[in-house]
């Protein structure tokens, strides 16, 4: 009687899949007006730029993940 082939031999030679490899990059969280306002407030307390400058800087920082 010939030995039975098992699927484990084939499974060992197959390249393992990388489950969740694409999910390592989490979707960027939604940046809200409140988040920008809070960051702009802290920028203004640091004495950097004017109101509009602080807003744009805060938005850019949040988009970069800083």
PDB file of N, CA and C in Angstrom:
ATOM      1  N   UNK A   1       0.846  -1.172   0.000  1.00  0.00           N
ATOM      2  CA  UNK A   1       0.000   0.000   0.000  1.00  0.00           C
ATOM      3  C   UNK A   1       0.898   1.245   0.000  1.00  0.00           C
ATOM      4  N   UNK A   2       0.624   2.193  -0.896  1.00  0.00           N
ATOM      5  CA  UNK A   2       1.441   3.409  -1.036  1.00  0.00           C
ATOM      6  C   UNK A   2       1.047   4.420   0.036  1.00  0.00           C
ATOM      7  N   UNK A   3       2.030   5.171   0.542  1.00  0.00           N
ATOM      8  CA  UNK A   3       1.682   6.171   1.550  1.00  0.00           C
ATOM      9  C   UNK A   3       0.829   7.289   0.953  1.00  0.00           C
ATOM     10  N   UNK A   4      -0.082   7.814   1.750  1.00  0.00           N
ATOM     11  CA  UNK A   4      -0.958   8.889   1.292  1.00  0.00           C
ATOM     12  C   UNK A   4      -0.188  10.205   1.262  1.00  0.00           C
ATOM     13  N   UNK A   5      -0.491  11.006   0.237  1.00  0.00           N
ATOM     14  CA  UNK A   5       0.099  12.339   0.196  1.00  0.00           C
ATOM     15  C   UNK A   5      -0.706  13.235   1.131  1.00  0.00           C
ATOM     16  N   UNK A   6      -0.007  14.075   1.785  1.00  0.00           N
ATOM     17  CA  UNK A   6      -0.704  14.982   2.685  1.00  0.00           C
ATOM     18  C   UNK A   6      -0.593  16.401   2.159  1.00  0.00           C
ATOM     19  N   UNK A   7      -1.526  17.209   2.523  1.00  0.00           N
ATOM     20  CA  UNK A   7      -1.527  18.606   2.099  1.00  0.00           C
ATOM     21  C   UNK A   7      -0.486  19.423   2.867  1.00  0.00           C
ATOM     22  N   UNK A   8      -0.005  18.900   3.956  1.00  0.00           N
ATOM     23  CA  UNK A   8       0.978  19.652   4.740  1.00  0.00           C
ATOM     24  C   UNK A   8       2.275  19.841   3.975  1.00  0.00           C
ATOM     25  N   UNK A   9       2.647  18.867   3.130  1.00  0.00           N
ATOM     26  CA  UNK A   9       3.858  19.004   2.334  1.00  0.00           C
ATOM     27  C   UNK A   9       3.724  20.174   1.368  1.00  0.00           C
ATOM     28  N   UNK A  10       2.583  20.302   0.737  1.00  0.00           N
ATOM     29  CA  UNK A  10       2.350  21.401  -0.197  1.00  0.00           C
ATOM     30  C   UNK A  10       2.279  22.725   0.552  1.00  0.00           C
ATOM     31  N   UNK A  11       1.691  22.715   1.713  1.00  0.00           N
ATOM     32  CA  UNK A  11       1.545  23.942   2.488  1.00  0.00           C
ATOM     33  C   UNK A  11       2.895  24.466   2.953  1.00  0.00           C
ATOM     34  N   UNK A  12       3.823  23.577   3.223  1.00  0.00           N
ATOM     35  CA  UNK A  12       5.139  23.983   3.682  1.00  0.00           C
ATOM     36  C   UNK A  12       5.911  24.663   2.562  1.00  0.00           C
ATOM     37  N   UNK A  13       5.742  24.208   1.324  1.00  0.00           N
ATOM     38  CA  UNK A  13       6.498  24.770   0.215  1.00  0.00           C
ATOM     39  C   UNK A  13       5.873  26.047  -0.336  1.00  0.00           C
ATOM     40  N   UNK A  14       4.623  26.309  -0.025  1.00  0.00           N
ATOM     41  CA  UNK A  14       3.982  27.523  -0.505  1.00  0.00           C
ATOM     42  C   UNK A  14       4.505  28.732   0.251  1.00  0.00           C
ATOM     43  N   UNK A  15       4.550  29.851  -0.460  1.00  0.00           N
ATOM     44  CA  UNK A  15       4.972  31.099   0.174  1.00  0.00           C
ATOM     45  C   UNK A  15       3.879  31.544   1.133  1.00  0.00           C
ATOM     46  N   UNK A  16       4.240  31.857   2.352  1.00  0.00           N
ATOM     47  CA  UNK A  16       3.207  32.288   3.300  1.00  0.00           C
ATOM     48  C   UNK A  16       2.602  33.623   2.875  1.00  0.00           C
ATOM     49  N   UNK A  17       1.331  33.738   3.108  1.00  0.00           N
ATOM     50  CA  UNK A  17       0.669  34.993   2.773  1.00  0.00           C
ATOM     51  C   UNK A  17       0.916  36.001   3.878  1.00  0.00           C
ATOM     52  N   UNK A  18       0.872  37.240   3.512  1.00  0.00           N
ATOM     53  CA  UNK A  18       1.064  38.300   4.505  1.00  0.00           C
ATOM     54  C   UNK A  18      -0.285  38.955   4.758  1.00  0.00           C
ATOM     55  N   UNK A  19      -1.051  38.285   5.537  1.00  0.00           N
ATOM     56  CA  UNK A  19      -2.367  38.813   5.878  1.00  0.00           C
ATOM     57  C   UNK A  19      -2.240  40.142   6.576  1.00  0.00           C
ATOM     58  N   UNK A  20      -3.049  41.066   6.151  1.00  0.00           N
ATOM     59  CA  UNK A  20      -3.065  42.363   6.805  1.00  0.00           C
ATOM     60  C   UNK A  20      -1.908  43.261   6.413  1.00  0.00           C
ATOM     61  N   UNK A  21      -1.136  42.878   5.409  1.00  0.00           N
ATOM     62  CA  UNK A  21       0.001  43.704   5.007  1.00  0.00           C
ATOM     63  C   UNK A  21      -0.471  45.066   4.541  1.00  0.00           C
ATOM     64  N   UNK A  22      -1.600  45.109   3.872  1.00  0.00           N
ATOM     65  CA  UNK A  22      -2.105  46.390   3.417  1.00  0.00           C
ATOM     66  C   UNK A  22      -2.770  47.149   4.550  1.00  0.00           C
ATOM     67  N   UNK A  23      -3.191  46.458   5.596  1.00  0.00           N
ATOM     68  CA  UNK A  23      -3.848  47.138   6.699  1.00  0.00           C
ATOM     69  C   UNK A  23      -2.855  47.736   7.685  1.00  0.00           C
ATOM     70  N   UNK A  24      -1.564  47.497   7.465  1.00  0.00           N
ATOM     71  CA  UNK A  24      -0.567  48.108   8.344  1.00  0.00           C
ATOM     72  C   UNK A  24      -0.616  49.619   8.235  1.00  0.00           C
ATOM     73  N   UNK A  25      -0.951  50.073   7.051  1.00  0.00           N
ATOM     74  CA  UNK A  25      -1.143  51.503   6.863  1.00  0.00           C
ATOM     75  C   UNK A  25      -2.587  51.807   7.224  1.00  0.00           C
ATOM     76  N   UNK A  26      -2.770  52.275   8.406  1.00  0.00           N
ATOM     77  CA  UNK A  26      -4.124  52.589   8.832  1.00  0.00           C
ATOM     78  C   UNK A  26      -4.614  53.803   8.053  1.00  0.00           C
ATOM     79  N   UNK A  27      -5.879  53.818   7.786  1.00  0.00           N
ATOM     80  CA  UNK A  27      -6.457  54.959   7.099  1.00  0.00           C
ATOM     81  C   UNK A  27      -6.249  56.201   7.956  1.00  0.00           C
ATOM     82  N   UNK A  28      -5.914  57.285   7.288  1.00  0.00           N
ATOM     83  CA  UNK A  28      -5.676  58.524   8.008  1.00  0.00           C
ATOM     84  C   UNK A  28      -6.965  58.953   8.709  1.00  0.00           C
ATOM     85  N   UNK A  29      -6.853  59.329   9.966  1.00  0.00           N
ATOM     86  CA  UNK A  29      -8.053  59.764  10.668  1.00  0.00           C
ATOM     87  C   UNK A  29      -8.576  61.058  10.058  1.00  0.00           C
ATOM     88  N   UNK A  30      -9.868  61.229  10.140  1.00  0.00           N
ATOM     89  CA  UNK A  30     -10.476  62.439   9.611  1.00  0.00           C
ATOM     90  C   UNK A  30     -10.035  63.627  10.456  1.00  0.00           C
ATOM     91  N   UNK A  31      -9.576  64.655   9.797  1.00  0.00           N
ATOM     92  CA  UNK A  31      -9.140  65.865  10.495  1.00  0.00           C
ATOM     93  C   UNK A  31     -10.337  66.801  10.584  1.00  0.00           C
ATOM     94  N   UNK A  32     -10.740  67.099  11.791  1.00  0.00           N
ATOM     95  CA  UNK A  32     -11.920  67.931  12.001  1.00  0.00           C
ATOM     96  C   UNK A  32     -11.523  69.388  12.208  1.00  0.00           C
ATOM     97  N   UNK A  33     -12.490  70.252  12.070  1.00  0.00           N
ATOM     98  CA  UNK A  33     -12.269  71.679  12.308  1.00  0.00           C
ATOM     99  C   UNK A  33     -11.829  71.925  13.749  1.00  0.00           C
ATOM    100  N   UNK A  34     -12.372  71.127  14.657  1.00  0.00           N
ATOM    101  CA  UNK A  34     -12.013  71.270  16.068  1.00  0.00           C
ATOM    102  C   UNK A  34     -10.546  70.909  16.303  1.00  0.00           C
ATOM    103  N   UNK A  35     -10.082  69.866  15.622  1.00  0.00           N
ATOM    104  CA  UNK A  35      -8.683  69.467  15.764  1.00  0.00           C
ATOM    105  C   UNK A  35      -7.760  70.566  15.240  1.00  0.00           C
ATOM    106  N   UNK A  36      -8.118  71.141  14.102  1.00  0.00           N
ATOM    107  CA  UNK A  36      -7.303  72.217  13.527  1.00  0.00           C
ATOM    108  C   UNK A  36      -7.317  73.426  14.446  1.00  0.00           C
ATOM    109  N   UNK A  37      -8.500  73.763  14.966  1.00  0.00           N
ATOM    110  CA  UNK A  37      -8.625  74.922  15.847  1.00  0.00           C
ATOM    111  C   UNK A  37      -7.774  74.755  17.100  1.00  0.00           C
ATOM    112  N   UNK A  38      -7.778  73.571  17.676  1.00  0.00           N
ATOM    113  CA  UNK A  38      -6.985  73.339  18.883  1.00  0.00           C
ATOM    114  C   UNK A  38      -5.497  73.464  18.592  1.00  0.00           C
ATOM    115  N   UNK A  39      -5.052  72.874  17.482  1.00  0.00           N
ATOM    116  CA  UNK A  39      -3.633  72.962  17.123  1.00  0.00           C
ATOM    117  C   UNK A  39      -3.261  74.412  16.812  1.00  0.00           C
ATOM    118  N   UNK A  40      -4.136  75.138  16.113  1.00  0.00           N
ATOM    119  CA  UNK A  40      -3.874  76.546  15.783  1.00  0.00           C
ATOM    120  C   UNK A  40      -3.783  77.382  17.059  1.00  0.00           C
ATOM    121  N   UNK A  41      -4.622  77.063  18.035  1.00  0.00           N
ATOM    122  CA  UNK A  41      -4.576  77.767  19.312  1.00  0.00           C
ATOM    123  C   UNK A  41      -3.217  77.576  19.984  1.00  0.00           C
ATOM    124  N   UNK A  42      -2.734  76.353  20.002  1.00  0.00           N
ATOM    125  CA  UNK A  42      -1.435  76.078  20.619  1.00  0.00           C
ATOM    126  C   UNK A  42      -0.301  76.752  19.840  1.00  0.00           C
ATOM    127  N   UNK A  43      -0.436  76.793  18.520  1.00  0.00           N
ATOM    128  CA  UNK A  43       0.558  77.498  17.718  1.00  0.00           C
ATOM    129  C   UNK A  43       0.561  78.978  18.048  1.00  0.00           C
ATOM    130  N   UNK A  44      -0.629  79.549  18.255  1.00  0.00           N
ATOM    131  CA  UNK A  44      -0.700  80.978  18.562  1.00  0.00           C
ATOM    132  C   UNK A  44      -0.105  81.267  19.937  1.00  0.00           C
ATOM    133  N   UNK A  45      -0.287  80.362  20.878  1.00  0.00           N
ATOM    134  CA  UNK A  45       0.293  80.541  22.212  1.00  0.00           C
ATOM    135  C   UNK A  45       1.814  80.460  22.177  1.00  0.00           C
ATOM    136  N   UNK A  46       2.328  79.746  21.180  1.00  0.00           N
ATOM    137  CA  UNK A  46       3.777  79.655  21.020  1.00  0.00           C
ATOM    138  C   UNK A  46       4.332  80.921  20.357  1.00  0.00           C
ATOM    139  N   UNK A  47       3.421  81.825  19.932  1.00  0.00           N
ATOM    140  CA  UNK A  47       3.831  83.101  19.354  1.00  0.00           C
ATOM    141  C   UNK A  47       4.347  82.994  17.937  1.00  0.00           C
ATOM    142  N   UNK A  48       3.799  82.062  17.193  1.00  0.00           N
ATOM    143  CA  UNK A  48       4.271  81.875  15.832  1.00  0.00           C
ATOM    144  C   UNK A  48       3.171  82.215  14.831  1.00  0.00           C
ATOM    145  N   UNK A  49       3.398  83.232  14.009  1.00  0.00           N
ATOM    146  CA  UNK A  49       2.485  83.572  12.927  1.00  0.00           C
ATOM    147  C   UNK A  49       1.214  84.255  13.381  1.00  0.00           C
ATOM    148  N   UNK A  50       0.424  84.643  12.380  1.00  0.00           N
ATOM    149  CA  UNK A  50      -0.870  85.258  12.637  1.00  0.00           C
ATOM    150  C   UNK A  50      -1.968  84.215  12.651  1.00  0.00           C
ATOM    151  N   UNK A  51      -3.199  84.654  12.784  1.00  0.00           N
ATOM    152  CA  UNK A  51      -4.331  83.745  12.911  1.00  0.00           C
ATOM    153  C   UNK A  51      -4.449  82.805  11.722  1.00  0.00           C
ATOM    154  N   UNK A  52      -4.435  83.366  10.524  1.00  0.00           N
ATOM    155  CA  UNK A  52      -4.573  82.528   9.327  1.00  0.00           C
ATOM    156  C   UNK A  52      -3.346  81.635   9.147  1.00  0.00           C
ATOM    157  N   UNK A  53      -2.173  82.169   9.448  1.00  0.00           N
ATOM    158  CA  UNK A  53      -0.945  81.369   9.362  1.00  0.00           C
ATOM    159  C   UNK A  53      -1.010  80.179  10.306  1.00  0.00           C
ATOM    160  N   UNK A  54      -1.476  80.425  11.518  1.00  0.00           N
ATOM    161  CA  UNK A  54      -1.581  79.346  12.506  1.00  0.00           C
ATOM    162  C   UNK A  54      -2.557  78.268  12.039  1.00  0.00           C
ATOM    163  N   UNK A  55      -3.648  78.698  11.423  1.00  0.00           N
ATOM    164  CA  UNK A  55      -4.657  77.747  10.951  1.00  0.00           C
ATOM    165  C   UNK A  55      -4.060  76.844   9.867  1.00  0.00           C
ATOM    166  N   UNK A  56      -3.406  77.455   8.877  1.00  0.00           N
ATOM    167  CA  UNK A  56      -2.830  76.663   7.784  1.00  0.00           C
ATOM    168  C   UNK A  56      -1.700  75.770   8.282  1.00  0.00           C
ATOM    169  N   UNK A  57      -0.899  76.301   9.175  1.00  0.00           N
ATOM    170  CA  UNK A  57       0.194  75.501   9.741  1.00  0.00           C
ATOM    171  C   UNK A  57      -0.361  74.317  10.531  1.00  0.00           C
ATOM    172  N   UNK A  58      -1.394  74.570  11.321  1.00  0.00           N
ATOM    173  CA  UNK A  58      -2.002  73.502  12.118  1.00  0.00           C
ATOM    174  C   UNK A  58      -2.579  72.421  11.217  1.00  0.00           C
ATOM    175  N   UNK A  59      -3.246  72.822  10.157  1.00  0.00           N
ATOM    176  CA  UNK A  59      -3.837  71.853   9.237  1.00  0.00           C
ATOM    177  C   UNK A  59      -2.738  71.016   8.570  1.00  0.00           C
ATOM    178  N   UNK A  60      -1.663  71.665   8.150  1.00  0.00           N
ATOM    179  CA  UNK A  60      -0.554  70.945   7.522  1.00  0.00           C
ATOM    180  C   UNK A  60       0.099  69.968   8.505  1.00  0.00           C
ATOM    181  N   UNK A  61       0.268  70.386   9.748  1.00  0.00           N
ATOM    182  CA  UNK A  61       0.875  69.514  10.760  1.00  0.00           C
ATOM    183  C   UNK A  61       0.014  68.282  11.001  1.00  0.00           C
ATOM    184  N   UNK A  62      -1.292  68.481  11.069  1.00  0.00           N
ATOM    185  CA  UNK A  62      -2.197  67.352  11.304  1.00  0.00           C
ATOM    186  C   UNK A  62      -2.203  66.394  10.120  1.00  0.00           C
ATOM    187  N   UNK A  63      -2.135  66.917   8.926  1.00  0.00           N
ATOM    188  CA  UNK A  63      -2.112  66.052   7.737  1.00  0.00           C
ATOM    189  C   UNK A  63      -0.817  65.254   7.659  1.00  0.00           C
ATOM    190  N   UNK A  64       0.282  65.834   8.160  1.00  0.00           N
ATOM    191  CA  UNK A  64       1.571  65.128   8.172  1.00  0.00           C
ATOM    192  C   UNK A  64       1.656  64.128   9.306  1.00  0.00           C
ATOM    193  N   UNK A  65       0.791  64.268  10.289  1.00  0.00           N
ATOM    194  CA  UNK A  65       0.836  63.368  11.436  1.00  0.00           C
ATOM    195  C   UNK A  65       1.776  63.837  12.516  1.00  0.00           C
ATOM    196  N   UNK A  66       2.142  65.101  12.512  1.00  0.00           N
ATOM    197  CA  UNK A  66       3.063  65.648  13.524  1.00  0.00           C
ATOM    198  C   UNK A  66       2.347  65.858  14.826  1.00  0.00           C
TER     199      UNK A  66
END
